[in-house]
């Protein structure tokens, strides 16, 4: 996602956002990304923060 030419979401955050939008649980997002559930949750939190401030 870009805003005024600046990238708002990283590639990983965009993937997390896509999965979350499909209703995918954080534990499954973590498996897909190959990270811990805590890390997936942090990425999802970053998505919410960035989109709220975009």
N, C-alpha and C. Protein backbone atom coordinates (compact mmCIF):
# COMPACT_ATOMS: atom_id res chain seq x y z
N UNK A 1 0.85 -1.18 0.00
CA UNK A 1 0.00 0.00 0.00
C UNK A 1 0.89 1.23 0.00
N UNK A 2 0.59 2.19 -0.85
CA UNK A 2 1.41 3.40 -0.93
C UNK A 2 0.56 4.64 -0.71
N UNK A 3 1.17 5.63 -0.10
CA UNK A 3 0.51 6.91 0.10
C UNK A 3 1.50 7.99 -0.30
N UNK A 4 1.15 8.77 -1.32
CA UNK A 4 2.04 9.82 -1.82
C UNK A 4 3.41 9.27 -2.17
N UNK A 5 3.45 8.06 -2.75
CA UNK A 5 4.70 7.45 -3.16
C UNK A 5 5.45 6.76 -2.04
N UNK A 6 5.03 6.93 -0.80
CA UNK A 6 5.69 6.29 0.34
C UNK A 6 4.95 4.99 0.67
N UNK A 7 5.70 3.98 0.96
CA UNK A 7 5.09 2.70 1.30
C UNK A 7 4.56 2.77 2.72
N UNK A 8 3.28 2.51 2.89
CA UNK A 8 2.65 2.57 4.20
C UNK A 8 2.80 1.24 4.93
N UNK A 9 2.55 0.14 4.25
CA UNK A 9 2.67 -1.19 4.85
C UNK A 9 3.84 -1.93 4.22
N UNK A 10 4.57 -2.68 5.05
CA UNK A 10 5.61 -3.54 4.52
C UNK A 10 4.94 -4.71 3.80
N UNK A 11 5.72 -5.47 3.05
CA UNK A 11 5.18 -6.63 2.35
C UNK A 11 4.58 -7.63 3.34
N UNK A 12 5.26 -7.84 4.46
CA UNK A 12 4.76 -8.78 5.47
C UNK A 12 3.47 -8.25 6.09
N UNK A 13 3.43 -6.97 6.41
CA UNK A 13 2.21 -6.38 6.98
C UNK A 13 1.05 -6.48 6.01
N UNK A 14 1.32 -6.28 4.74
CA UNK A 14 0.26 -6.39 3.74
C UNK A 14 -0.28 -7.82 3.68
N UNK A 15 0.62 -8.80 3.74
CA UNK A 15 0.20 -10.21 3.73
C UNK A 15 -0.63 -10.53 4.97
N UNK A 16 -0.19 -10.03 6.13
CA UNK A 16 -0.93 -10.23 7.37
C UNK A 16 -2.32 -9.59 7.26
N UNK A 17 -2.38 -8.39 6.72
CA UNK A 17 -3.66 -7.69 6.57
C UNK A 17 -4.60 -8.47 5.65
N UNK A 18 -4.06 -9.02 4.56
CA UNK A 18 -4.88 -9.80 3.64
C UNK A 18 -5.44 -11.04 4.33
N UNK A 19 -4.59 -11.72 5.06
CA UNK A 19 -5.04 -12.93 5.76
C UNK A 19 -6.07 -12.59 6.84
N UNK A 20 -5.80 -11.54 7.59
CA UNK A 20 -6.73 -11.14 8.66
C UNK A 20 -8.08 -10.73 8.07
N UNK A 21 -8.05 -10.06 6.93
CA UNK A 21 -9.30 -9.62 6.28
C UNK A 21 -10.14 -10.82 5.83
N UNK A 22 -9.49 -11.95 5.61
CA UNK A 22 -10.20 -13.17 5.22
C UNK A 22 -10.69 -13.93 6.45
N UNK A 23 -10.40 -13.39 7.64
CA UNK A 23 -10.84 -14.04 8.87
C UNK A 23 -9.89 -15.09 9.40
N UNK A 24 -8.67 -15.08 8.91
CA UNK A 24 -7.68 -16.06 9.33
C UNK A 24 -7.22 -15.76 10.76
N UNK A 25 -7.26 -16.74 11.64
CA UNK A 25 -6.81 -16.53 13.03
C UNK A 25 -5.31 -16.22 13.08
N UNK A 26 -4.90 -15.49 14.10
CA UNK A 26 -3.50 -15.11 14.26
C UNK A 26 -2.59 -16.33 14.29
N UNK A 27 -3.02 -17.40 14.94
CA UNK A 27 -2.20 -18.61 15.01
C UNK A 27 -1.93 -19.18 13.61
N UNK A 28 -2.92 -19.12 12.75
CA UNK A 28 -2.75 -19.62 11.38
C UNK A 28 -1.89 -18.66 10.57
N UNK A 29 -2.09 -17.37 10.76
CA UNK A 29 -1.24 -16.37 10.10
C UNK A 29 0.22 -16.63 10.46
N UNK A 30 0.46 -16.91 11.72
CA UNK A 30 1.82 -17.19 12.19
C UNK A 30 2.39 -18.41 11.47
N UNK A 31 1.60 -19.46 11.33
CA UNK A 31 2.05 -20.67 10.63
C UNK A 31 2.39 -20.36 9.18
N UNK A 32 1.52 -19.60 8.52
CA UNK A 32 1.73 -19.26 7.12
C UNK A 32 3.04 -18.47 6.95
N UNK A 33 3.29 -17.55 7.87
CA UNK A 33 4.49 -16.71 7.78
C UNK A 33 5.73 -17.39 8.34
N UNK A 34 5.54 -18.45 9.11
CA UNK A 34 6.67 -19.12 9.72
C UNK A 34 7.25 -18.35 10.89
N UNK A 35 6.37 -17.67 11.63
CA UNK A 35 6.79 -16.90 12.80
C UNK A 35 5.93 -17.30 13.99
N UNK A 36 6.26 -16.77 15.17
CA UNK A 36 5.46 -17.06 16.35
C UNK A 36 4.14 -16.29 16.28
N UNK A 37 3.18 -16.75 17.05
CA UNK A 37 1.89 -16.05 17.11
C UNK A 37 2.08 -14.64 17.64
N UNK A 38 3.01 -14.47 18.56
CA UNK A 38 3.29 -13.14 19.11
C UNK A 38 3.80 -12.20 18.02
N UNK A 39 4.68 -12.69 17.17
CA UNK A 39 5.21 -11.87 16.08
C UNK A 39 4.10 -11.53 15.08
N UNK A 40 3.27 -12.49 14.75
CA UNK A 40 2.15 -12.24 13.83
C UNK A 40 1.21 -11.19 14.43
N UNK A 41 0.97 -11.29 15.72
CA UNK A 41 0.11 -10.32 16.40
C UNK A 41 0.73 -8.93 16.36
N UNK A 42 2.02 -8.84 16.52
CA UNK A 42 2.71 -7.53 16.43
C UNK A 42 2.58 -6.93 15.04
N UNK A 43 2.71 -7.78 14.02
CA UNK A 43 2.54 -7.30 12.65
C UNK A 43 1.12 -6.77 12.45
N UNK A 44 0.14 -7.50 12.97
CA UNK A 44 -1.25 -7.09 12.83
C UNK A 44 -1.51 -5.77 13.57
N UNK A 45 -0.93 -5.63 14.73
CA UNK A 45 -1.05 -4.37 15.48
C UNK A 45 -0.44 -3.22 14.68
N UNK A 46 0.71 -3.45 14.06
CA UNK A 46 1.36 -2.42 13.25
C UNK A 46 0.47 -2.02 12.08
N UNK A 47 -0.22 -2.99 11.49
CA UNK A 47 -1.14 -2.71 10.39
C UNK A 47 -2.24 -1.77 10.87
N UNK A 48 -2.86 -2.11 12.00
CA UNK A 48 -3.94 -1.28 12.53
C UNK A 48 -3.47 0.14 12.81
N UNK A 49 -2.31 0.27 13.41
CA UNK A 49 -1.76 1.59 13.75
C UNK A 49 -1.48 2.40 12.48
N UNK A 50 -0.83 1.77 11.52
CA UNK A 50 -0.49 2.48 10.29
C UNK A 50 -1.73 2.89 9.51
N UNK A 51 -2.71 2.01 9.43
CA UNK A 51 -3.92 2.35 8.67
C UNK A 51 -4.75 3.42 9.36
N UNK A 52 -4.73 3.40 10.67
CA UNK A 52 -5.45 4.43 11.42
C UNK A 52 -4.81 5.80 11.21
N UNK A 53 -3.49 5.82 11.04
CA UNK A 53 -2.76 7.08 10.89
C UNK A 53 -2.51 7.47 9.44
N UNK A 54 -2.97 6.64 8.50
CA UNK A 54 -2.72 6.91 7.08
C UNK A 54 -3.67 7.97 6.55
